[in-house]
Amino acid sequence: LSAGFVEPLEATGIGLAESAGLLLAAVLPWAGPLDVAARQFNDK
């Protein structure tokens, strides 16, 4: 909910958290700057 809220008609709340966690794990750089990963995360 800190990222955003969609009314509960299609029960997307938990799904958005799942998507964000999956995307974060995929783009997270274990080393180096964060800004490139952040841009991709924000866009998606």
PDB file of all heavy atoms in Angstrom:
ATOM      1  N   LEU A   1       0.804  -1.218   0.000  1.00  0.00           N
ATOM      2  CA  LEU A   1       0.000   0.000   0.000  1.00  0.00           C
ATOM      3  C   LEU A   1       0.836   1.267   0.000  1.00  0.00           C
ATOM      4  O   LEU A   1       0.351   2.329  -0.399  1.00  0.00           O
ATOM      5  CB  LEU A   1      -0.937   0.003   1.213  1.00  0.00           C
ATOM      6  CG  LEU A   1      -1.983  -1.112   1.251  1.00  0.00           C
ATOM      7  CD1 LEU A   1      -2.795  -1.026   2.539  1.00  0.00           C
ATOM      8  CD2 LEU A   1      -2.888  -1.060   0.044  1.00  0.00           C
ATOM      9  N   SER A   2       2.074   1.195   0.442  1.00  0.00           N
ATOM     10  CA  SER A   2       2.933   2.380   0.382  1.00  0.00           C
ATOM     11  C   SER A   2       3.289   2.734  -1.062  1.00  0.00           C
ATOM     12  O   SER A   2       3.599   3.893  -1.363  1.00  0.00           O
ATOM     13  CB  SER A   2       4.219   2.149   1.185  1.00  0.00           C
ATOM     14  OG  SER A   2       4.935   1.042   0.670  1.00  0.00           O
ATOM     15  N   ALA A   3       3.240   1.736  -1.955  1.00  0.00           N
ATOM     16  CA  ALA A   3       3.517   1.980  -3.372  1.00  0.00           C
ATOM     17  C   ALA A   3       2.284   2.451  -4.117  1.00  0.00           C
ATOM     18  O   ALA A   3       2.363   3.253  -5.045  1.00  0.00           O
ATOM     19  CB  ALA A   3       4.060   0.708  -4.023  1.00  0.00           C
ATOM     20  N   GLY A   4       1.123   1.949  -3.714  1.00  0.00           N
ATOM     21  CA  GLY A   4      -0.107   2.329  -4.389  1.00  0.00           C
ATOM     22  C   GLY A   4      -1.256   1.452  -3.947  1.00  0.00           C
ATOM     23  O   GLY A   4      -1.073   0.430  -3.291  1.00  0.00           O
ATOM     24  N   PHE A   5      -2.451   1.879  -4.297  1.00  0.00           N
ATOM     25  CA  PHE A   5      -3.649   1.137  -3.917  1.00  0.00           C
ATOM     26  C   PHE A   5      -4.583   1.040  -5.104  1.00  0.00           C
ATOM     27  O   PHE A   5      -4.840   2.021  -5.805  1.00  0.00           O
ATOM     28  CB  PHE A   5      -4.374   1.835  -2.761  1.00  0.00           C
ATOM     29  CG  PHE A   5      -5.636   1.138  -2.345  1.00  0.00           C
ATOM     30  CD1 PHE A   5      -5.590   0.018  -1.533  1.00  0.00           C
ATOM     31  CD2 PHE A   5      -6.876   1.601  -2.773  1.00  0.00           C
ATOM     32  CE1 PHE A   5      -6.757  -0.641  -1.157  1.00  0.00           C
ATOM     33  CE2 PHE A   5      -8.045   0.957  -2.396  1.00  0.00           C
ATOM     34  CZ  PHE A   5      -7.985  -0.172  -1.588  1.00  0.00           C
ATOM     35  N   VAL A   6      -5.087  -0.159  -5.315  1.00  0.00           N
ATOM     36  CA  VAL A   6      -6.123  -0.401  -6.311  1.00  0.00           C
ATOM     37  C   VAL A   6      -7.343  -0.933  -5.566  1.00  0.00           C
ATOM     38  O   VAL A   6      -7.222  -1.845  -4.748  1.00  0.00           O
ATOM     39  CB  VAL A   6      -5.676  -1.426  -7.366  1.00  0.00           C
ATOM     40  CG1 VAL A   6      -6.766  -1.604  -8.422  1.00  0.00           C
ATOM     41  CG2 VAL A   6      -4.365  -0.999  -8.023  1.00  0.00           C
ATOM     42  N   GLU A   7      -8.499  -0.358  -5.815  1.00  0.00           N
ATOM     43  CA  GLU A   7      -9.696  -0.841  -5.133  1.00  0.00           C
ATOM     44  C   GLU A   7      -9.806  -2.366  -5.285  1.00  0.00           C
ATOM     45  O   GLU A   7      -9.301  -2.939  -6.249  1.00  0.00           O
ATOM     46  CB  GLU A   7     -10.927  -0.150  -5.674  1.00  0.00           C
ATOM     47  CG  GLU A   7     -11.233  -0.430  -7.133  1.00  0.00           C
ATOM     48  CD  GLU A   7     -12.731  -0.616  -7.350  1.00  0.00           C
ATOM     49  OE1 GLU A   7     -13.269  -1.588  -6.816  1.00  0.00           O
ATOM     50  OE2 GLU A   7     -13.317   0.209  -8.067  1.00  0.00           O
ATOM     51  N   PRO A   8     -10.472  -3.063  -4.342  1.00  0.00           N
ATOM     52  CA  PRO A   8     -10.319  -4.517  -4.231  1.00  0.00           C
ATOM     53  C   PRO A   8     -11.149  -5.357  -5.191  1.00  0.00           C
ATOM     54  O   PRO A   8     -11.277  -6.572  -4.991  1.00  0.00           O
ATOM     55  CB  PRO A   8     -10.755  -4.788  -2.781  1.00  0.00           C
ATOM     56  CG  PRO A   8     -11.704  -3.690  -2.458  1.00  0.00           C
ATOM     57  CD  PRO A   8     -11.189  -2.477  -3.189  1.00  0.00           C
ATOM     58  N   LEU A   9     -11.683  -4.785  -6.256  1.00  0.00           N
ATOM     59  CA  LEU A   9     -12.601  -5.507  -7.132  1.00  0.00           C
ATOM     60  C   LEU A   9     -12.029  -6.801  -7.675  1.00  0.00           C
ATOM     61  O   LEU A   9     -12.724  -7.812  -7.769  1.00  0.00           O
ATOM     62  CB  LEU A   9     -13.039  -4.593  -8.280  1.00  0.00           C
ATOM     63  CG  LEU A   9     -14.099  -5.139  -9.222  1.00  0.00           C
ATOM     64  CD1 LEU A   9     -15.381  -5.473  -8.489  1.00  0.00           C
ATOM     65  CD2 LEU A   9     -14.379  -4.136 -10.349  1.00  0.00           C
ATOM     66  N   GLU A  10     -10.771  -6.810  -8.072  1.00  0.00           N
ATOM     67  CA  GLU A  10     -10.148  -8.014  -8.628  1.00  0.00           C
ATOM     68  C   GLU A  10      -9.031  -8.554  -7.734  1.00  0.00           C
ATOM     69  O   GLU A  10      -8.175  -9.320  -8.183  1.00  0.00           O
ATOM     70  CB  GLU A  10      -9.621  -7.746 -10.039  1.00  0.00           C
ATOM     71  CG  GLU A  10     -10.701  -7.603 -11.099  1.00  0.00           C
ATOM     72  CD  GLU A  10     -11.303  -8.922 -11.560  1.00  0.00           C
ATOM     73  OE1 GLU A  10     -10.887  -9.981 -11.031  1.00  0.00           O
ATOM     74  OE2 GLU A  10     -12.174  -8.900 -12.453  1.00  0.00           O
ATOM     75  N   ALA A  11      -9.036  -8.167  -6.462  1.00  0.00           N
ATOM     76  CA  ALA A  11      -8.107  -8.723  -5.465  1.00  0.00           C
ATOM     77  C   ALA A  11      -6.656  -8.644  -5.920  1.00  0.00           C
ATOM     78  O   ALA A  11      -5.914  -9.624  -5.873  1.00  0.00           O
ATOM     79  CB  ALA A  11      -8.482 -10.170  -5.142  1.00  0.00           C
ATOM     80  N   THR A  12      -6.229  -7.455  -6.329  1.00  0.00           N
ATOM     81  CA  THR A  12      -4.876  -7.285  -6.859  1.00  0.00           C
ATOM     82  C   THR A  12      -3.847  -6.900  -5.805  1.00  0.00           C
ATOM     83  O   THR A  12      -2.656  -6.839  -6.109  1.00  0.00           O
ATOM     84  CB  THR A  12      -4.876  -6.200  -7.950  1.00  0.00           C
ATOM     85  OG1 THR A  12      -5.536  -5.032  -7.445  1.00  0.00           O
ATOM     86  CG2 THR A  12      -5.610  -6.676  -9.196  1.00  0.00           C
ATOM     87  N   GLY A  13      -4.263  -6.647  -4.563  1.00  0.00           N
ATOM     88  CA  GLY A  13      -3.337  -6.136  -3.559  1.00  0.00           C
ATOM     89  C   GLY A  13      -2.166  -7.055  -3.297  1.00  0.00           C
ATOM     90  O   GLY A  13      -0.993  -6.654  -3.394  1.00  0.00           O
ATOM     91  N   ILE A  14      -2.446  -8.306  -2.946  1.00  0.00           N
ATOM     92  CA  ILE A  14      -1.369  -9.257  -2.677  1.00  0.00           C
ATOM     93  C   ILE A  14      -0.589  -9.541  -3.958  1.00  0.00           C
ATOM     94  O   ILE A  14       0.639  -9.670  -3.941  1.00  0.00           O
ATOM     95  CB  ILE A  14      -1.932 -10.550  -2.070  1.00  0.00           C
ATOM     96  CG1 ILE A  14      -2.545 -10.263  -0.695  1.00  0.00           C
ATOM     97  CG2 ILE A  14      -0.846 -11.615  -1.938  1.00  0.00           C
ATOM     98  CD1 ILE A  14      -3.249 -11.454  -0.059  1.00  0.00           C
ATOM     99  N   GLY A  15      -1.286  -9.609  -5.077  1.00  0.00           N
ATOM    100  CA  GLY A  15      -0.610  -9.870  -6.354  1.00  0.00           C
ATOM    101  C   GLY A  15       0.400  -8.790  -6.705  1.00  0.00           C
ATOM    102  O   GLY A  15       1.474  -9.091  -7.253  1.00  0.00           O
ATOM    103  N   LEU A  16       0.091  -7.532  -6.409  1.00  0.00           N
ATOM    104  CA  LEU A  16       1.052  -6.461  -6.676  1.00  0.00           C
ATOM    105  C   LEU A  16       2.280  -6.586  -5.786  1.00  0.00           C
ATOM    106  O   LEU A  16       3.407  -6.316  -6.226  1.00  0.00           O
ATOM    107  CB  LEU A  16       0.379  -5.104  -6.485  1.00  0.00           C
ATOM    108  CG  LEU A  16      -0.474  -4.623  -7.661  1.00  0.00           C
ATOM    109  CD1 LEU A  16      -1.384  -3.484  -7.241  1.00  0.00           C
ATOM    110  CD2 LEU A  16       0.414  -4.207  -8.838  1.00  0.00           C
ATOM    111  N   ALA A  17       2.083  -7.002  -4.537  1.00  0.00           N
ATOM    112  CA  ALA A  17       3.236  -7.227  -3.660  1.00  0.00           C
ATOM    113  C   ALA A  17       4.087  -8.378  -4.181  1.00  0.00           C
ATOM    114  O   ALA A  17       5.326  -8.320  -4.165  1.00  0.00           O
ATOM    115  CB  ALA A  17       2.768  -7.505  -2.235  1.00  0.00           C
ATOM    116  N   GLU A  18       3.424  -9.438  -4.649  1.00  0.00           N
ATOM    117  CA  GLU A  18       4.163 -10.556  -5.252  1.00  0.00           C
ATOM    118  C   GLU A  18       4.989 -10.076  -6.441  1.00  0.00           C
ATOM    119  O   GLU A  18       6.180 -10.406  -6.563  1.00  0.00           O
ATOM    120  CB  GLU A  18       3.204 -11.627  -5.752  1.00  0.00           C
ATOM    121  CG  GLU A  18       2.415 -12.378  -4.730  1.00  0.00           C
ATOM    122  CD  GLU A  18       1.463 -13.323  -5.431  1.00  0.00           C
ATOM    123  OE1 GLU A  18       1.943 -14.296  -6.052  1.00  0.00           O
ATOM    124  OE2 GLU A  18       0.247 -13.097  -5.391  1.00  0.00           O
ATOM    125  N   SER A  19       4.352  -9.322  -7.325  1.00  0.00           N
ATOM    126  CA  SER A  19       5.040  -8.842  -8.530  1.00  0.00           C
ATOM    127  C   SER A  19       6.243  -7.970  -8.184  1.00  0.00           C
ATOM    128  O   SER A  19       7.307  -8.088  -8.792  1.00  0.00           O
ATOM    129  CB  SER A  19       4.067  -8.048  -9.408  1.00  0.00           C
ATOM    130  OG  SER A  19       2.983  -8.841  -9.816  1.00  0.00           O
ATOM    131  N   ALA A  20       6.065  -7.092  -7.195  1.00  0.00           N
ATOM    132  CA  ALA A  20       7.164  -6.210  -6.811  1.00  0.00           C
ATOM    133  C   ALA A  20       8.322  -7.004  -6.218  1.00  0.00           C
ATOM    134  O   ALA A  20       9.496  -6.738  -6.521  1.00  0.00           O
ATOM    135  CB  ALA A  20       6.664  -5.168  -5.806  1.00  0.00           C
ATOM    136  N   GLY A  21       8.016  -8.001  -5.373  1.00  0.00           N
ATOM    137  CA  GLY A  21       9.078  -8.828  -4.805  1.00  0.00           C
ATOM    138  C   GLY A  21       9.819  -9.615  -5.866  1.00  0.00           C
ATOM    139  O   GLY A  21      11.055  -9.704  -5.853  1.00  0.00           O
ATOM    140  N   LEU A  22       9.067 -10.178  -6.799  1.00  0.00           N
ATOM    141  CA  LEU A  22       9.688 -10.944  -7.889  1.00  0.00           C
ATOM    142  C   LEU A  22      10.585 -10.043  -8.735  1.00  0.00           C
ATOM    143  O   LEU A  22      11.723 -10.405  -9.070  1.00  0.00           O
ATOM    144  CB  LEU A  22       8.585 -11.571  -8.737  1.00  0.00           C
ATOM    145  CG  LEU A  22       8.991 -12.485  -9.897  1.00  0.00           C
ATOM    146  CD1 LEU A  22       7.904 -13.547 -10.130  1.00  0.00           C
ATOM    147  CD2 LEU A  22       9.199 -11.707 -11.193  1.00  0.00           C
ATOM    148  N   LEU A  23      10.072  -8.877  -9.082  1.00  0.00           N
ATOM    149  CA  LEU A  23      10.843  -7.950  -9.916  1.00  0.00           C
ATOM    150  C   LEU A  23      12.079  -7.448  -9.181  1.00  0.00           C
ATOM    151  O   LEU A  23      13.174  -7.364  -9.766  1.00  0.00           O
ATOM    152  CB  LEU A  23       9.949  -6.788 -10.336  1.00  0.00           C
ATOM    153  CG  LEU A  23      10.565  -5.725 -11.244  1.00  0.00           C
ATOM    154  CD1 LEU A  23      11.110  -6.347 -12.521  1.00  0.00           C
ATOM    155  CD2 LEU A  23       9.520  -4.653 -11.569  1.00  0.00           C
ATOM    156  N   LEU A  24      11.928  -7.138  -7.902  1.00  0.00           N
ATOM    157  CA  LEU A  24      13.074  -6.664  -7.131  1.00  0.00           C
ATOM    158  C   LEU A  24      14.174  -7.722  -7.085  1.00  0.00           C
ATOM    159  O   LEU A  24      15.363  -7.411  -7.275  1.00  0.00           O
ATOM    160  CB  LEU A  24      12.630  -6.296  -5.720  1.00  0.00           C
ATOM    161  CG  LEU A  24      13.719  -5.841  -4.743  1.00  0.00           C
ATOM    162  CD1 LEU A  24      14.472  -4.638  -5.278  1.00  0.00           C
ATOM    163  CD2 LEU A  24      13.131  -5.546  -3.368  1.00  0.00           C
ATOM    164  N   ALA A  25      13.791  -8.969  -6.836  1.00  0.00           N
ATOM    165  CA  ALA A  25      14.794 -10.041  -6.796  1.00  0.00           C
ATOM    166  C   ALA A  25      15.478 -10.212  -8.143  1.00  0.00           C
ATOM    167  O   ALA A  25      16.672 -10.522  -8.207  1.00  0.00           O
ATOM    168  CB  ALA A  25      14.127 -11.345  -6.369  1.00  0.00           C
ATOM    169  N   ALA A  26      14.723  -9.987  -9.236  1.00  0.00           N
ATOM    170  CA  ALA A  26      15.290 -10.181 -10.572  1.00  0.00           C
ATOM    171  C   ALA A  26      16.261  -9.080 -10.972  1.00  0.00           C
ATOM    172  O   ALA A  26      17.276  -9.340 -11.629  1.00  0.00           O
ATOM    173  CB  ALA A  26      14.156 -10.276 -11.596  1.00  0.00           C
ATOM    174  N   VAL A  27      15.976  -7.829 -10.596  1.00  0.00           N
ATOM    175  CA  VAL A  27      16.811  -6.709 -11.066  1.00  0.00           C
ATOM    176  C   VAL A  27      17.839  -6.259 -10.046  1.00  0.00           C
ATOM    177  O   VAL A  27      18.726  -5.463 -10.378  1.00  0.00           O
ATOM    178  CB  VAL A  27      15.932  -5.499 -11.472  1.00  0.00           C
ATOM    179  CG1 VAL A  27      14.910  -5.901 -12.519  1.00  0.00           C
ATOM    180  CG2 VAL A  27      15.252  -4.868 -10.264  1.00  0.00           C
ATOM    181  N   LEU A  28      17.764  -6.750  -8.802  1.00  0.00           N
ATOM    182  CA  LEU A  28      18.645  -6.259  -7.744  1.00  0.00           C
ATOM    183  C   LEU A  28      20.115  -6.503  -8.070  1.00  0.00           C
ATOM    184  O   LEU A  28      20.534  -7.644  -8.262  1.00  0.00           O
ATOM    185  CB  LEU A  28      18.301  -6.951  -6.423  1.00  0.00           C
ATOM    186  CG  LEU A  28      19.089  -6.468  -5.201  1.00  0.00           C
ATOM    187  CD1 LEU A  28      18.669  -5.057  -4.828  1.00  0.00           C
ATOM    188  CD2 LEU A  28      18.885  -7.412  -4.020  1.00  0.00           C
ATOM    189  N   PRO A  29      20.919  -5.462  -8.117  1.00  0.00           N
ATOM    190  CA  PRO A  29      22.358  -5.652  -8.337  1.00  0.00           C
ATOM    191  C   PRO A  29      23.049  -5.965  -7.010  1.00  0.00           C
ATOM    192  O   PRO A  29      22.941  -5.200  -6.053  1.00  0.00           O
ATOM    193  CB  PRO A  29      22.802  -4.300  -8.890  1.00  0.00           C
ATOM    194  CG  PRO A  29      21.863  -3.312  -8.282  1.00  0.00           C
ATOM    195  CD  PRO A  29      20.556  -4.032  -8.064  1.00  0.00           C
ATOM    196  N   TRP A  30      23.731  -7.060  -6.937  1.00  0.00           N
ATOM    197  CA  TRP A  30      24.439  -7.411  -5.704  1.00  0.00           C
ATOM    198  C   TRP A  30      25.640  -6.492  -5.489  1.00  0.00           C
ATOM    199  O   TRP A  30      26.175  -6.406  -4.390  1.00  0.00           O
ATOM    200  CB  TRP A  30      24.882  -8.864  -5.753  1.00  0.00           C
ATOM    201  CG  TRP A  30      23.739  -9.828  -5.591  1.00  0.00           C
ATOM    202  CD1 TRP A  30      22.646  -9.942  -6.401  1.00  0.00           C
ATOM    203  CD2 TRP A  30      23.557 -10.792  -4.548  1.00  0.00           C
ATOM    204  NE1 TRP A  30      21.809 -10.916  -5.941  1.00  0.00           N
ATOM    205  CE2 TRP A  30      22.343 -11.463  -4.803  1.00  0.00           C
ATOM    206  CE3 TRP A  30      24.309 -11.168  -3.439  1.00  0.00           C
ATOM    207  CZ2 TRP A  30      21.863 -12.477  -3.987  1.00  0.00           C
ATOM    208  CZ3 TRP A  30      23.820 -12.180  -2.617  1.00  0.00           C
ATOM    209  CH2 TRP A  30      22.617 -12.813  -2.886  1.00  0.00           C
ATOM    210  N   ALA A  31      26.061  -5.838  -6.555  1.00  0.00           N
ATOM    211  CA  ALA A  31      27.167  -4.883  -6.458  1.00  0.00           C
ATOM    212  C   ALA A  31      26.915  -3.770  -7.466  1.00  0.00           C
ATOM    213  O   ALA A  31      26.164  -3.936  -8.426  1.00  0.00           O
ATOM    214  CB  ALA A  31      28.498  -5.566  -6.740  1.00  0.00           C
ATOM    215  N   GLY A  32      27.534  -2.611  -7.243  1.00  0.00           N
ATOM    216  CA  GLY A  32      27.387  -1.498  -8.160  1.00  0.00           C
ATOM    217  C   GLY A  32      26.229  -0.602  -7.796  1.00  0.00           C
ATOM    218  O   GLY A  32      25.541  -0.802  -6.802  1.00  0.00           O
ATOM    219  N   PRO A  33      25.992   0.438  -8.618  1.00  0.00           N
ATOM    220  CA  PRO A  33      24.945   1.424  -8.321  1.00  0.00           C
ATOM    221  C   PRO A  33      23.550   0.831  -8.474  1.00  0.00           C
ATOM    222  O   PRO A  33      23.336  -0.152  -9.185  1.00  0.00           O
ATOM    223  CB  PRO A  33      25.204   2.529  -9.353  1.00  0.00           C
ATOM    224  CG  PRO A  33      25.897   1.836 -10.485  1.00  0.00           C
ATOM    225  CD  PRO A  33      26.731   0.752  -9.866  1.00  0.00           C
ATOM    226  N   LEU A  34      22.589   1.489  -7.809  1.00  0.00           N
ATOM    227  CA  LEU A  34      21.213   1.010  -7.819  1.00  0.00           C
ATOM    228  C   LEU A  34      20.343   1.696  -8.859  1.00  0.00           C
ATOM    229  O   LEU A  34      19.241   1.227  -9.144  1.00  0.00           O
ATOM    230  CB  LEU A  34      20.579   1.238  -6.439  1.00  0.00           C
ATOM    231  CG  LEU A  34      21.229   0.557  -5.236  1.00  0.00           C
ATOM    232  CD1 LEU A  34      20.498   0.966  -3.962  1.00  0.00           C
ATOM    233  CD2 LEU A  34      21.205  -0.955  -5.401  1.00  0.00           C
ATOM    234  N   ASP A  35      20.827   2.803  -9.438  1.00  0.00           N
ATOM    235  CA  ASP A  35      19.931   3.633 -10.234  1.00  0.00           C
ATOM    236  C   ASP A  35      19.417   2.955 -11.498  1.00  0.00           C
ATOM    237  O   ASP A  35      18.268   3.161 -11.898  1.00  0.00           O
ATOM    238  CB  ASP A  35      20.604   4.968 -10.575  1.00  0.00           C
ATOM    239  CG  ASP A  35      21.936   4.800 -11.269  1.00  0.00           C
ATOM    240  OD1 ASP A  35      22.544   3.724 -11.157  1.00  0.00           O
ATOM    241  OD2 ASP A  35      22.381   5.751 -11.935  1.00  0.00           O
ATOM    242  N   VAL A  36      20.242   2.128 -12.147  1.00  0.00           N
ATOM    243  CA  VAL A  36      19.788   1.442 -13.369  1.00  0.00           C
ATOM    244  C   VAL A  36      18.669   0.458 -13.033  1.00  0.00           C
ATOM    245  O   VAL A  36      17.636   0.397 -13.713  1.00  0.00           O
ATOM    246  CB  VAL A  36      20.963   0.717 -14.054  1.00  0.00           C
ATOM    247  CG1 VAL A  36      20.461  -0.101 -15.235  1.00  0.00           C
ATOM    248  CG2 VAL A  36      22.004   1.724 -14.520  1.00  0.00           C
ATOM    249  N   ALA A  37      18.870  -0.308 -11.967  1.00  0.00           N
ATOM    250  CA  ALA A  37      17.833  -1.249 -11.533  1.00  0.00           C
ATOM    251  C   ALA A  37      16.570  -0.509 -11.121  1.00  0.00           C
ATOM    252  O   ALA A  37      15.452  -0.951 -11.409  1.00  0.00           O
ATOM    253  CB  ALA A  37      18.353  -2.103 -10.388  1.00  0.00           C
ATOM    254  N   ALA A  38      16.740   0.622 -10.443  1.00  0.00           N
ATOM    255  CA  ALA A  38      15.578   1.392  -9.990  1.00  0.00           C
ATOM    256  C   ALA A  38      14.755   1.887 -11.166  1.00  0.00           C
ATOM    257  O   ALA A  38      13.514   1.849 -11.133  1.00  0.00           O
ATOM    258  CB  ALA A  38      16.033   2.566  -9.127  1.00  0.00           C
ATOM    259  N   ARG A  39      15.407   2.353 -12.228  1.00  0.00           N
ATOM    260  CA  ARG A  39      14.660   2.836 -13.394  1.00  0.00           C
ATOM    261  C   ARG A  39      13.846   1.712 -14.021  1.00  0.00           C
ATOM    262  O   ARG A  39      12.685   1.899 -14.400  1.00  0.00           O
ATOM    263  CB  ARG A  39      15.625   3.441 -14.419  1.00  0.00           C
ATOM    264  CG  ARG A  39      16.125   4.821 -14.051  1.00  0.00           C
ATOM    265  CD  ARG A  39      16.730   5.530 -15.243  1.00  0.00           C
ATOM    266  NE  ARG A  39      17.891   4.831 -15.787  1.00  0.00           N
ATOM    267  CZ  ARG A  39      19.147   5.009 -15.371  1.00  0.00           C
ATOM    268  NH1 ARG A  39      19.398   5.864 -14.389  1.00  0.00           N
ATOM    269  NH2 ARG A  39      20.145   4.352 -15.928  1.00  0.00           N
ATOM    270  N   GLN A  40      14.442   0.537 -14.146  1.00  0.00           N
ATOM    271  CA  GLN A  40      13.721  -0.587 -14.736  1.00  0.00           C
ATOM    272  C   GLN A  40      12.553  -1.009 -13.843  1.00  0.00           C
ATOM    273  O   GLN A  40      11.440  -1.272 -14.327  1.00  0.00           O
ATOM    274  CB  GLN A  40      14.663  -1.769 -14.958  1.00  0.00           C
ATOM    275  CG  GLN A  40      14.000  -2.933 -15.691  1.00  0.00           C
ATOM    276  CD  GLN A  40      14.963  -4.067 -15.965  1.00  0.00           C
ATOM    277  OE1 GLN A  40      16.024  -4.169 -15.354  1.00  0.00           O
ATOM    278  NE2 GLN A  40      14.602  -4.945 -16.906  1.00  0.00           N
ATOM    279  N   PHE A  41      12.787  -1.073 -12.552  1.00  0.00           N
ATOM    280  CA  PHE A  41      11.739  -1.440 -11.601  1.00  0.00           C
ATOM    281  C   PHE A  41      10.580  -0.449 -11.689  1.00  0.00           C
ATOM    282  O   PHE A  41       9.401  -0.849 -11.782  1.00  0.00           O
ATOM    283  CB  PHE A  41      12.326  -1.461 -10.188  1.00  0.00           C
ATOM    284  CG  PHE A  41      11.355  -1.860  -9.112  1.00  0.00           C
ATOM    285  CD1 PHE A  41      11.250  -3.182  -8.710  1.00  0.00           C
ATOM    286  CD2 PHE A  41      10.559  -0.915  -8.488  1.00  0.00           C
ATOM    287  CE1 PHE A  41      10.366  -3.551  -7.707  1.00  0.00           C
ATOM    288  CE2 PHE A  41       9.669  -1.268  -7.482  1.00  0.00           C
ATOM    289  CZ  PHE A  41       9.575  -2.596  -7.093  1.00  0.00           C
ATOM    290  N   ASN A  42      10.888   0.842 -11.666  1.00  0.00           N
ATOM    291  CA  ASN A  42       9.839   1.857 -11.694  1.00  0.00           C
ATOM    292  C   ASN A  42       9.039   1.797 -12.991  1.00  0.00           C
ATOM    293  O   ASN A  42       7.811   1.948 -12.983  1.00  0.00           O
ATOM    294  CB  ASN A  42      10.447   3.246 -11.504  1.00  0.00           C
ATOM    295  CG  ASN A  42      10.927   3.477 -10.084  1.00  0.00           C
ATOM    296  OD1 ASN A  42      10.375   2.944  -9.134  1.00  0.00           O
ATOM    297  ND2 ASN A  42      11.978   4.279  -9.940  1.00  0.00           N
ATOM    298  N   ASP A  43       9.726   1.598 -14.088  1.00  0.00           N
ATOM    299  CA  ASP A  43       9.033   1.529 -15.375  1.00  0.00           C
ATOM    300  C   ASP A  43       8.064   0.355 -15.411  1.00  0.00           C
ATOM    301  O   ASP A  43       6.901   0.503 -15.796  1.00  0.00           O
ATOM    302  CB  ASP A  43      10.060   1.410 -16.507  1.00  0.00           C
ATOM    303  CG  ASP A  43       9.394   1.223 -17.859  1.00  0.00           C
ATOM    304  OD1 ASP A  43       8.702   2.152 -18.310  1.00  0.00           O
ATOM    305  OD2 ASP A  43       9.565   0.136 -18.466  1.00  0.00           O
ATOM    306  N   LYS A  44       8.512  -0.807 -14.990  1.00  0.00           N
ATOM    307  CA  LYS A  44       7.658  -1.996 -15.063  1.00  0.00           C
ATOM    308  C   LYS A  44       6.510  -1.934 -14.062  1.00  0.00           C
ATOM    309  O   LYS A  44       5.379  -2.327 -14.373  1.00  0.00           O
ATOM    310  CB  LYS A  44       8.489  -3.266 -14.872  1.00  0.00           C
ATOM    311  CG  LYS A  44       9.369  -3.591 -16.073  1.00  0.00           C
ATOM    312  CD  LYS A  44       9.942  -4.985 -16.000  1.00  0.00           C
ATOM    313  CE  LYS A  44      10.662  -5.345 -17.303  1.00  0.00           C
ATOM    314  NZ  LYS A  44       9.708  -5.474 -18.440  1.00  0.00           N
TER     315      LYS A  44
END
